[in-house]
C-alpha atoms as a PDB file:
ATOM      1  CA  MET A   1    -145.033 -17.076 135.051  1.00  0.00           C
ATOM      2  CA  THR A   2    -144.044 -13.893 136.884  1.00  0.00           C
ATOM      3  CA  MET A   3    -140.824 -15.474 138.071  1.00  0.00           C
ATOM      4  CA  ASN A   4    -139.979 -16.497 134.518  1.00  0.00           C
ATOM      5  CA  ILE A   5    -140.517 -12.946 133.215  1.00  0.00           C
ATOM      6  CA  SER A   6    -138.427 -11.418 135.991  1.00  0.00           C
ATOM      7  CA  PHE A   7    -135.707 -14.021 135.453  1.00  0.00           C
ATOM      8  CA  ASN A   8    -135.623 -13.230 131.740  1.00  0.00           C
ATOM      9  CA  TYR A   9    -135.384  -9.511 132.459  1.00  0.00           C
ATOM     10  CA  VAL A  10    -132.557 -10.013 134.964  1.00  0.00           C
ATOM     11  CA  PHE A  11    -130.771 -12.384 132.596  1.00  0.00           C
ATOM     12  CA  LEU A  12    -131.025  -9.967 129.668  1.00  0.00           C
ATOM     13  CA  ALA A  13    -129.972  -7.015 131.825  1.00  0.00           C
ATOM     14  CA  GLU A  14    -126.925  -8.947 133.029  1.00  0.00           C
ATOM     15  CA  LEU A  15    -126.108 -10.024 129.487  1.00  0.00           C
ATOM     16  CA  VAL A  16    -126.228  -6.434 128.245  1.00  0.00           C
ATOM     17  CA  ASP A  17    -124.221  -5.255 131.241  1.00  0.00           C
ATOM     18  CA  ASN A  18    -121.522  -7.895 130.674  1.00  0.00           C
ATOM     19  CA  THR A  19    -121.214  -7.197 126.955  1.00  0.00           C
ATOM     20  CA  TYR A  20    -120.837  -3.441 127.309  1.00  0.00           C
ATOM     21  CA  GLY A  21    -117.609  -2.356 125.661  1.00  0.00           C
ATOM     22  CA  ARG A  22    -117.132  -5.629 123.800  1.00  0.00           C
ATOM     23  CA  THR A  23    -118.472  -4.499 120.444  1.00  0.00           C
ATOM     24  CA  ASP A  24    -115.176  -5.439 118.776  1.00  0.00           C
ATOM     25  CA  TYR A  25    -115.838  -9.081 119.649  1.00  0.00           C
ATOM     26  CA  TYR A  26    -119.338  -9.027 118.197  1.00  0.00           C
ATOM     27  CA  MET A  27    -118.251  -7.098 115.112  1.00  0.00           C
ATOM     28  CA  SER A  28    -115.522  -9.650 114.392  1.00  0.00           C
ATOM     29  CA  LEU A  29    -117.935 -12.519 115.011  1.00  0.00           C
ATOM     30  CA  THR A  30    -120.460 -10.943 112.639  1.00  0.00           C
ATOM     31  CA  GLY A  31    -117.718 -10.425 110.059  1.00  0.00           C
ATOM     32  CA  ILE A  32    -116.688 -14.079 110.270  1.00  0.00           C
ATOM     33  CA  VAL A  33    -120.290 -15.201 109.791  1.00  0.00           C
ATOM     34  CA  VAL A  34    -120.771 -12.901 106.779  1.00  0.00           C
ATOM     35  CA  VAL A  35    -117.491 -13.976 105.143  1.00  0.00           C
ATOM     36  CA  GLY A  36    -118.333 -17.634 105.800  1.00  0.00           C
ATOM     37  CA  PHE A  37    -121.771 -17.248 104.246  1.00  0.00           C
ATOM     38  CA  ILE A  38    -120.340 -15.567 101.147  1.00  0.00           C
ATOM     39  CA  ALA A  39    -117.688 -18.298 100.842  1.00  0.00           C
ATOM     40  CA  ALA A  40    -120.298 -21.050 101.205  1.00  0.00           C
ATOM     41  CA  VAL A  41    -122.538 -19.504  98.542  1.00  0.00           C
ATOM     42  CA  SER A  42    -119.586 -19.018  96.168  1.00  0.00           C
ATOM     43  CA  ILE A  43    -118.240 -22.555  96.593  1.00  0.00           C
ATOM     44  CA  GLY A  44    -121.736 -24.012  96.354  1.00  0.00           C
ATOM     45  CA  SER A  45    -122.443 -22.077  93.152  1.00  0.00           C
ATOM     46  CA  ILE A  46    -119.216 -23.281  91.550  1.00  0.00           C
ATOM     47  CA  ALA A  47    -119.989 -26.879  92.554  1.00  0.00           C
ATOM     48  CA  TRP A  48    -123.577 -26.642  91.314  1.00  0.00           C
ATOM     49  CA  TYR A  49    -122.633 -25.173  87.944  1.00  0.00           C
ATOM     50  CA  ASN A  50    -119.948 -27.835  87.438  1.00  0.00           C
ATOM     51  CA  SER A  51    -122.207 -30.733  88.404  1.00  0.00           C
ATOM     52  CA  LYS A  52    -124.703 -32.563  86.241  1.00  0.00           C
ATOM     53  CA  ARG A  53    -127.472 -30.175  85.317  1.00  0.00           C
ATOM     54  CA  PRO A  54    -130.909 -30.758  86.847  1.00  0.00           C
ATOM     55  CA  ALA A  55    -133.952 -31.276  84.634  1.00  0.00           C
ATOM     56  CA  GLY A  56    -134.635 -28.150  82.601  1.00  0.00           C
ATOM     57  CA  TRP A  57    -131.086 -26.782  82.923  1.00  0.00           C
ATOM     58  CA  GLU A  58    -129.287 -29.141  80.501  1.00  0.00           C
ATOM     59  CA  GLY A  59    -128.967 -26.618  77.666  1.00  0.00           C
ATOM     60  CA  LYS A  60    -128.147 -23.570  79.782  1.00  0.00           C
ATOM     61  CA  GLU A  61    -124.785 -21.842  79.447  1.00  0.00           C
ATOM     62  CA  ARG A  62    -122.325 -21.562  82.298  1.00  0.00           C
ATOM     63  CA  PRO A  63    -121.904 -17.970  83.562  1.00  0.00           C
ATOM     64  CA  ASP A  64    -118.543 -16.380  82.692  1.00  0.00           C
ATOM     65  CA  ILE A  65    -117.689 -15.812  86.348  1.00  0.00           C
ATOM     66  CA  VAL A  66    -117.843 -19.550  87.201  1.00  0.00           C
ATOM     67  CA  PRO A  67    -114.581 -21.396  86.430  1.00  0.00           C
ATOM     68  CA  ASN A  68    -114.640 -24.656  84.502  1.00  0.00           C
ATOM     69  CA  VAL A  69    -113.428 -27.542  86.670  1.00  0.00           C
ATOM     70  CA  GLU A  70    -112.095 -30.564  84.794  1.00  0.00           C
ATOM     71  CA  LYS A  71    -113.531 -33.899  85.915  1.00  0.00           C
ATOM     72  CA  SER A  72    -111.179 -36.609  87.148  1.00  0.00           C
ATOM     73  CA  LYS A  73    -111.126 -40.099  85.612  1.00  0.00           C
ATOM     74  CA  ASN A  74    -110.982 -41.621  89.102  1.00  0.00           C
ATOM     75  CA  PRO A  75    -113.046 -39.404  91.405  1.00  0.00           C
ATOM     76  CA  GLY A  76    -112.720 -40.179  95.071  1.00  0.00           C
ATOM     77  CA  LEU A  77    -109.643 -42.375  94.735  1.00  0.00           C
END
């Protein structure tokens, strides 16, 4: 157990030491994750609002911000 704790400490210390001065990399990585999450939520919301409504949502109005997507006669072909 003691070896595991010391190994973790050494590993974390080395990780911090190696990443010093590389904040631009982590900031860009964080930015990509945030932009990807926002894009996924936006695309998922548009798809959900344009799909068949689940039980209890049949009579609800579409929000103005969500575009209306016309359905194809031959989806998937």
